[in-house]
Amino acid sequence: MPDDKEQVNPLFLQLVLSLQSAAWYQLGKTMSPITGKIERNLDEARVSIDLLNMLQEKTKGNLLGDEKKILDNTVYTLQMNYIDELNQDKEKETGASSEPEEKPATDEASGGEDENASPETPGD
């Protein structure tokens, strides 16, 4: 008899969290574990997010409900933060904002969506 309460595969979770951590460092949202400094590289962040997006596409229909939720939330949150970083760069270039706006990196509990933001892949 199958187990009614299937568990999230720890290897799947480790893969997702590893790519998520890399993206946070690359977005400049957390300190690099290697240098101990905040470093930002949006090109590398885009690659990490694209990898998670590819994993999302390739595993459609093959994930448990919780695995899908974790992956979907991770991809969405990183995409929104990537877009926020791009917008901050545009504001700096055009001088539209005199002071950079600090926003929280994640809000996983609320799952709130920005109605003006597009959840498209950053590379698209």
N, C-alpha and C. Protein backbone atom coordinates (compact mmCIF):
# COMPACT_ATOMS: atom_id res chain seq x y z
N MET A 1 0.84 -1.18 0.00
CA MET A 1 0.00 0.00 0.00
C MET A 1 0.89 1.24 0.00
N PRO A 2 0.67 2.18 -0.93
CA PRO A 2 1.52 3.37 -1.00
C PRO A 2 1.31 4.28 0.21
N ASP A 3 2.37 4.95 0.56
CA ASP A 3 2.35 5.89 1.67
C ASP A 3 1.53 7.11 1.27
N ASP A 4 0.51 7.46 2.09
CA ASP A 4 -0.35 8.61 1.79
C ASP A 4 0.40 9.93 1.88
N LYS A 5 1.42 9.97 2.70
CA LYS A 5 2.17 11.20 2.92
C LYS A 5 3.55 11.04 2.28
N GLU A 6 3.65 11.31 0.98
CA GLU A 6 4.92 11.20 0.29
C GLU A 6 5.82 12.36 0.70
N GLN A 7 7.10 12.08 0.81
CA GLN A 7 8.06 13.08 1.27
C GLN A 7 8.79 13.71 0.09
N VAL A 8 9.17 14.97 0.26
CA VAL A 8 9.98 15.66 -0.73
C VAL A 8 11.32 14.94 -0.80
N ASN A 9 11.76 14.66 -2.01
CA ASN A 9 13.04 14.00 -2.22
C ASN A 9 14.15 14.93 -1.74
N PRO A 10 14.98 14.48 -0.77
CA PRO A 10 16.03 15.37 -0.24
C PRO A 10 17.06 15.78 -1.29
N LEU A 11 17.33 14.92 -2.25
CA LEU A 11 18.28 15.29 -3.30
C LEU A 11 17.71 16.37 -4.21
N PHE A 12 16.42 16.27 -4.51
CA PHE A 12 15.76 17.30 -5.31
C PHE A 12 15.80 18.63 -4.56
N LEU A 13 15.45 18.59 -3.28
CA LEU A 13 15.44 19.80 -2.46
C LEU A 13 16.84 20.41 -2.38
N GLN A 14 17.86 19.57 -2.22
CA GLN A 14 19.23 20.06 -2.15
C GLN A 14 19.64 20.75 -3.45
N LEU A 15 19.25 20.18 -4.59
CA LEU A 15 19.57 20.78 -5.88
C LEU A 15 18.91 22.15 -6.02
N VAL A 16 17.63 22.22 -5.70
CA VAL A 16 16.91 23.49 -5.82
C VAL A 16 17.51 24.53 -4.88
N LEU A 17 17.77 24.15 -3.64
CA LEU A 17 18.32 25.11 -2.67
C LEU A 17 19.74 25.54 -3.03
N SER A 18 20.50 24.66 -3.63
CA SER A 18 21.85 25.00 -4.06
C SER A 18 21.82 26.07 -5.15
N LEU A 19 20.96 25.86 -6.14
CA LEU A 19 20.83 26.85 -7.21
C LEU A 19 20.23 28.16 -6.70
N GLN A 20 19.30 28.05 -5.76
CA GLN A 20 18.70 29.24 -5.16
C GLN A 20 19.76 30.05 -4.40
N SER A 21 20.58 29.37 -3.61
CA SER A 21 21.63 30.06 -2.86
C SER A 21 22.60 30.77 -3.79
N ALA A 22 23.00 30.09 -4.86
CA ALA A 22 23.90 30.71 -5.83
C ALA A 22 23.27 31.97 -6.41
N ALA A 23 21.99 31.89 -6.75
CA ALA A 23 21.31 33.05 -7.33
C ALA A 23 21.25 34.21 -6.34
N TRP A 24 21.01 33.92 -5.06
CA TRP A 24 20.97 35.00 -4.06
C TRP A 24 22.31 35.71 -3.97
N TYR A 25 23.42 34.93 -3.98
CA TYR A 25 24.76 35.56 -3.96
C TYR A 25 24.94 36.41 -5.20
N GLN A 26 24.57 35.85 -6.36
CA GLN A 26 24.78 36.54 -7.63
C GLN A 26 23.92 37.78 -7.76
N LEU A 27 22.76 37.80 -7.13
CA LEU A 27 21.90 38.98 -7.15
C LEU A 27 22.38 40.05 -6.16
N GLY A 28 23.36 39.69 -5.33
CA GLY A 28 23.86 40.63 -4.33
C GLY A 28 22.95 40.74 -3.12
N LYS A 29 22.13 39.74 -2.89
CA LYS A 29 21.18 39.75 -1.77
C LYS A 29 21.78 39.14 -0.51
N THR A 30 22.80 38.30 -0.68
CA THR A 30 23.48 37.69 0.47
C THR A 30 24.98 37.74 0.23
N MET A 31 25.73 37.58 1.33
CA MET A 31 27.19 37.59 1.23
C MET A 31 27.71 36.33 0.56
N SER A 32 28.76 36.50 -0.19
CA SER A 32 29.43 35.35 -0.80
C SER A 32 30.10 34.54 0.31
N PRO A 33 29.90 33.22 0.33
CA PRO A 33 30.55 32.41 1.35
C PRO A 33 32.06 32.32 1.14
N ILE A 34 32.51 32.63 -0.06
CA ILE A 34 33.93 32.54 -0.37
C ILE A 34 34.66 33.82 0.05
N THR A 35 34.13 34.98 -0.35
CA THR A 35 34.81 36.24 -0.08
C THR A 35 34.29 36.95 1.17
N GLY A 36 33.09 36.58 1.61
CA GLY A 36 32.49 37.27 2.75
C GLY A 36 31.98 38.66 2.40
N LYS A 37 31.87 38.95 1.11
CA LYS A 37 31.42 40.27 0.66
C LYS A 37 30.14 40.11 -0.16
N ILE A 38 29.42 41.22 -0.26
CA ILE A 38 28.26 41.26 -1.16
C ILE A 38 28.79 41.53 -2.55
N GLU A 39 28.55 40.60 -3.44
CA GLU A 39 28.99 40.73 -4.82
C GLU A 39 27.78 40.52 -5.71
N ARG A 40 27.72 41.23 -6.80
CA ARG A 40 26.54 41.16 -7.66
C ARG A 40 26.97 40.91 -9.10
N ASN A 41 26.38 39.89 -9.71
CA ASN A 41 26.65 39.59 -11.11
C ASN A 41 25.34 39.10 -11.71
N LEU A 42 24.62 40.01 -12.36
CA LEU A 42 23.30 39.68 -12.87
C LEU A 42 23.34 38.68 -14.02
N ASP A 43 24.43 38.64 -14.77
CA ASP A 43 24.53 37.64 -15.84
C ASP A 43 24.58 36.23 -15.24
N GLU A 44 25.37 36.06 -14.20
CA GLU A 44 25.45 34.75 -13.53
C GLU A 44 24.13 34.42 -12.84
N ALA A 45 23.49 35.41 -12.26
CA ALA A 45 22.19 35.18 -11.61
C ALA A 45 21.17 34.71 -12.63
N ARG A 46 21.18 35.31 -13.80
CA ARG A 46 20.26 34.90 -14.85
C ARG A 46 20.47 33.44 -15.23
N VAL A 47 21.72 33.00 -15.29
CA VAL A 47 22.01 31.60 -15.63
C VAL A 47 21.47 30.67 -14.54
N SER A 48 21.65 31.01 -13.28
CA SER A 48 21.14 30.18 -12.19
C SER A 48 19.61 30.10 -12.24
N ILE A 49 18.97 31.22 -12.50
CA ILE A 49 17.50 31.25 -12.59
C ILE A 49 17.05 30.46 -13.81
N ASP A 50 17.76 30.59 -14.92
CA ASP A 50 17.41 29.83 -16.11
C ASP A 50 17.56 28.32 -15.88
N LEU A 51 18.56 27.91 -15.11
CA LEU A 51 18.71 26.49 -14.77
C LEU A 51 17.51 25.99 -13.97
N LEU A 52 17.08 26.78 -13.00
CA LEU A 52 15.90 26.39 -12.21
C LEU A 52 14.65 26.36 -13.09
N ASN A 53 14.53 27.31 -13.99
CA ASN A 53 13.39 27.34 -14.90
C ASN A 53 13.40 26.12 -15.82
N MET A 54 14.57 25.73 -16.31
CA MET A 54 14.69 24.54 -17.14
C MET A 54 14.30 23.30 -16.34
N LEU A 55 14.74 23.21 -15.09
CA LEU A 55 14.38 22.09 -14.22
C LEU A 55 12.87 22.05 -14.04
N GLN A 56 12.27 23.20 -13.89
CA GLN A 56 10.82 23.32 -13.75
C GLN A 56 10.11 22.77 -14.99
N GLU A 57 10.58 23.15 -16.16
CA GLU A 57 9.98 22.70 -17.42
C GLU A 57 10.17 21.19 -17.63
N LYS A 58 11.36 20.69 -17.35
CA LYS A 58 11.68 19.29 -17.61
C LYS A 58 11.02 18.33 -16.62
N THR A 59 10.61 18.83 -15.47
CA THR A 59 10.01 17.95 -14.46
C THR A 59 8.49 18.09 -14.38
N LYS A 60 7.90 18.85 -15.30
CA LYS A 60 6.44 19.03 -15.29
C LYS A 60 5.74 17.67 -15.25
N GLY A 61 4.81 17.53 -14.32
CA GLY A 61 4.03 16.31 -14.20
C GLY A 61 4.74 15.18 -13.46
N ASN A 62 5.97 15.40 -13.04
CA ASN A 62 6.74 14.35 -12.36
C ASN A 62 7.11 14.70 -10.92
N LEU A 63 6.59 15.79 -10.41
CA LEU A 63 6.93 16.21 -9.05
C LEU A 63 5.75 15.99 -8.11
N LEU A 64 6.07 15.77 -6.85
CA LEU A 64 5.04 15.75 -5.81
C LEU A 64 4.53 17.17 -5.65
N GLY A 65 3.36 17.31 -5.05
CA GLY A 65 2.78 18.63 -4.84
C GLY A 65 3.71 19.59 -4.12
N ASP A 66 4.35 19.12 -3.03
CA ASP A 66 5.26 19.98 -2.27
C ASP A 66 6.51 20.32 -3.07
N GLU A 67 7.02 19.36 -3.84
CA GLU A 67 8.20 19.62 -4.66
C GLU A 67 7.89 20.70 -5.69
N LYS A 68 6.73 20.60 -6.32
CA LYS A 68 6.31 21.59 -7.32
C LYS A 68 6.17 22.97 -6.69
N LYS A 69 5.55 23.02 -5.50
CA LYS A 69 5.37 24.31 -4.82
C LYS A 69 6.72 24.94 -4.49
N ILE A 70 7.65 24.14 -3.99
CA ILE A 70 8.98 24.65 -3.63
C ILE A 70 9.67 25.21 -4.87
N LEU A 71 9.67 24.44 -5.96
CA LEU A 71 10.34 24.87 -7.18
C LEU A 71 9.66 26.10 -7.79
N ASP A 72 8.34 26.08 -7.86
CA ASP A 72 7.61 27.22 -8.42
C ASP A 72 7.87 28.50 -7.62
N ASN A 73 7.81 28.39 -6.30
CA ASN A 73 8.03 29.56 -5.45
C ASN A 73 9.46 30.08 -5.58
N THR A 74 10.40 29.16 -5.65
CA THR A 74 11.81 29.55 -5.79
C THR A 74 12.03 30.29 -7.10
N VAL A 75 11.55 29.74 -8.19
CA VAL A 75 11.72 30.38 -9.50
C VAL A 75 11.05 31.75 -9.52
N TYR A 76 9.81 31.81 -9.05
CA TYR A 76 9.07 33.07 -9.06
C TYR A 76 9.79 34.15 -8.23
N THR A 77 10.18 33.80 -7.02
CA THR A 77 10.82 34.77 -6.12
C THR A 77 12.13 35.27 -6.71
N LEU A 78 12.93 34.37 -7.26
CA LEU A 78 14.20 34.79 -7.86
C LEU A 78 13.97 35.66 -9.10
N GLN A 79 12.99 35.30 -9.91
CA GLN A 79 12.69 36.11 -11.10
C GLN A 79 12.27 37.53 -10.71
N MET A 80 11.45 37.65 -9.70
CA MET A 80 10.99 38.97 -9.27
C MET A 80 12.15 39.80 -8.72
N ASN A 81 13.05 39.17 -7.98
CA ASN A 81 14.21 39.89 -7.45
C ASN A 81 15.17 40.27 -8.57
N TYR A 82 15.30 39.41 -9.57
CA TYR A 82 16.14 39.72 -10.73
C TYR A 82 15.59 40.95 -11.46
N ILE A 83 14.28 40.95 -11.68
CA ILE A 83 13.64 42.09 -12.34
C ILE A 83 13.83 43.36 -11.52
N ASP A 84 13.71 43.25 -10.20
CA ASP A 84 13.92 44.40 -9.32
C ASP A 84 15.34 44.94 -9.46
N GLU A 85 16.32 44.06 -9.54
CA GLU A 85 17.71 44.50 -9.71
C GLU A 85 17.90 45.19 -11.06
N LEU A 86 17.30 44.64 -12.10
CA LEU A 86 17.39 45.29 -13.42
C LEU A 86 16.76 46.68 -13.39
N ASN A 87 15.61 46.79 -12.73
CA ASN A 87 14.94 48.09 -12.63
C ASN A 87 15.78 49.09 -11.84
N GLN A 88 16.44 48.63 -10.80
CA GLN A 88 17.32 49.52 -10.04
C GLN A 88 18.47 50.03 -10.91
N ASP A 89 19.02 49.14 -11.75
CA ASP A 89 20.08 49.56 -12.66
C ASP A 89 19.58 50.61 -13.65
N LYS A 90 18.37 50.40 -14.18
CA LYS A 90 17.79 51.36 -15.13
C LYS A 90 17.57 52.72 -14.46
N GLU A 91 17.10 52.68 -13.21
CA GLU A 91 16.88 53.94 -12.48
C GLU A 91 18.18 54.68 -12.27
N LYS A 92 19.24 53.93 -11.95
CA LYS A 92 20.55 54.56 -11.76
C LYS A 92 21.06 55.18 -13.05
N GLU A 93 20.84 54.48 -14.16
CA GLU A 93 21.30 54.98 -15.46
C GLU A 93 20.56 56.24 -15.88
N THR A 94 19.25 56.27 -15.63
CA THR A 94 18.45 57.41 -16.06
C THR A 94 18.37 58.50 -15.00
N GLY A 95 18.80 58.19 -13.79
CA GLY A 95 18.72 59.16 -12.70
C GLY A 95 17.30 59.37 -12.23
N ALA A 96 16.43 58.40 -12.48
CA ALA A 96 15.02 58.53 -12.12
C ALA A 96 14.82 58.51 -10.61
N SER A 97 15.68 57.86 -9.91
CA SER A 97 15.55 57.79 -8.46
C SER A 97 16.80 58.35 -7.83
N SER A 98 16.63 59.28 -6.90
CA SER A 98 17.80 59.88 -6.28
C SER A 98 18.39 58.97 -5.21
N GLU A 99 17.61 58.05 -4.71
CA GLU A 99 18.09 57.15 -3.66
C GLU A 99 17.63 55.74 -3.99
N PRO A 100 18.56 54.74 -3.98
CA PRO A 100 18.13 53.37 -4.28
C PRO A 100 17.18 52.86 -3.22
N GLU A 101 16.17 52.16 -3.67
CA GLU A 101 15.16 51.63 -2.78
C GLU A 101 15.53 50.22 -2.35
N GLU A 102 15.53 49.96 -1.05
CA GLU A 102 15.82 48.63 -0.53
C GLU A 102 14.52 47.87 -0.39
N LYS A 103 14.48 46.67 -0.93
CA LYS A 103 13.30 45.82 -0.81
C LYS A 103 13.72 44.50 -0.21
N PRO A 104 12.84 43.86 0.54
CA PRO A 104 13.21 42.57 1.09
C PRO A 104 13.45 41.56 -0.03
N ALA A 105 14.43 40.70 0.19
CA ALA A 105 14.80 39.74 -0.84
C ALA A 105 13.73 38.69 -1.05
N THR A 106 13.11 38.23 0.02
CA THR A 106 12.11 37.17 -0.13
C THR A 106 10.91 37.44 0.75
N ASP A 107 9.82 36.88 0.34
CA ASP A 107 8.60 36.90 1.13
C ASP A 107 7.88 35.60 0.82
N GLU A 108 8.53 34.48 1.18
CA GLU A 108 8.02 33.18 0.82
C GLU A 108 6.73 32.85 1.52
N ALA A 109 6.52 33.37 2.72
CA ALA A 109 5.32 33.02 3.48
C ALA A 109 4.06 33.58 2.86
N SER A 110 4.13 34.82 2.38
CA SER A 110 2.91 35.44 1.87
C SER A 110 2.59 35.01 0.45
N GLY A 111 3.64 34.74 -0.34
CA GLY A 111 3.42 34.37 -1.73
C GLY A 111 2.80 35.49 -2.54
N GLY A 112 2.93 36.73 -2.03
CA GLY A 112 2.32 37.87 -2.70
C GLY A 112 2.97 38.11 -4.05
N GLU A 113 2.15 38.51 -5.01
CA GLU A 113 2.65 38.77 -6.34
C GLU A 113 2.53 40.25 -6.66
N ASP A 114 3.49 40.75 -7.40
CA ASP A 114 3.44 42.12 -7.88
C ASP A 114 2.59 42.10 -9.14
N GLU A 115 1.45 42.78 -9.11
CA GLU A 115 0.53 42.71 -10.24
C GLU A 115 1.11 43.33 -11.50
N ASN A 116 2.13 44.19 -11.38
CA ASN A 116 2.73 44.83 -12.54
C ASN A 116 3.92 44.06 -13.09
N ALA A 117 4.38 43.03 -12.37
CA ALA A 117 5.56 42.29 -12.79
C ALA A 117 5.17 41.09 -13.63
N SER A 118 6.01 40.79 -14.58
CA SER A 118 5.77 39.62 -15.44
C SER A 118 6.63 38.47 -14.96
N PRO A 119 6.07 37.27 -14.78
CA PRO A 119 6.86 36.15 -14.29
C PRO A 119 7.64 35.45 -15.39
N GLU A 120 7.99 36.16 -16.44
CA GLU A 120 8.72 35.56 -17.52
C GLU A 120 10.14 35.27 -17.09
N THR A 121 10.77 34.35 -17.78
CA THR A 121 12.15 34.00 -17.51
C THR A 121 13.03 35.20 -17.83
N PRO A 122 14.02 35.50 -16.96
CA PRO A 122 14.86 36.66 -17.18
C PRO A 122 15.58 36.65 -18.53
N GLY A 123 15.86 35.49 -19.09
CA GLY A 123 16.58 35.43 -20.35
C GLY A 123 15.70 35.60 -21.56
N ASP A 124 14.37 35.64 -21.37
CA ASP A 124 13.44 35.73 -22.50
C ASP A 124 13.27 37.13 -23.01
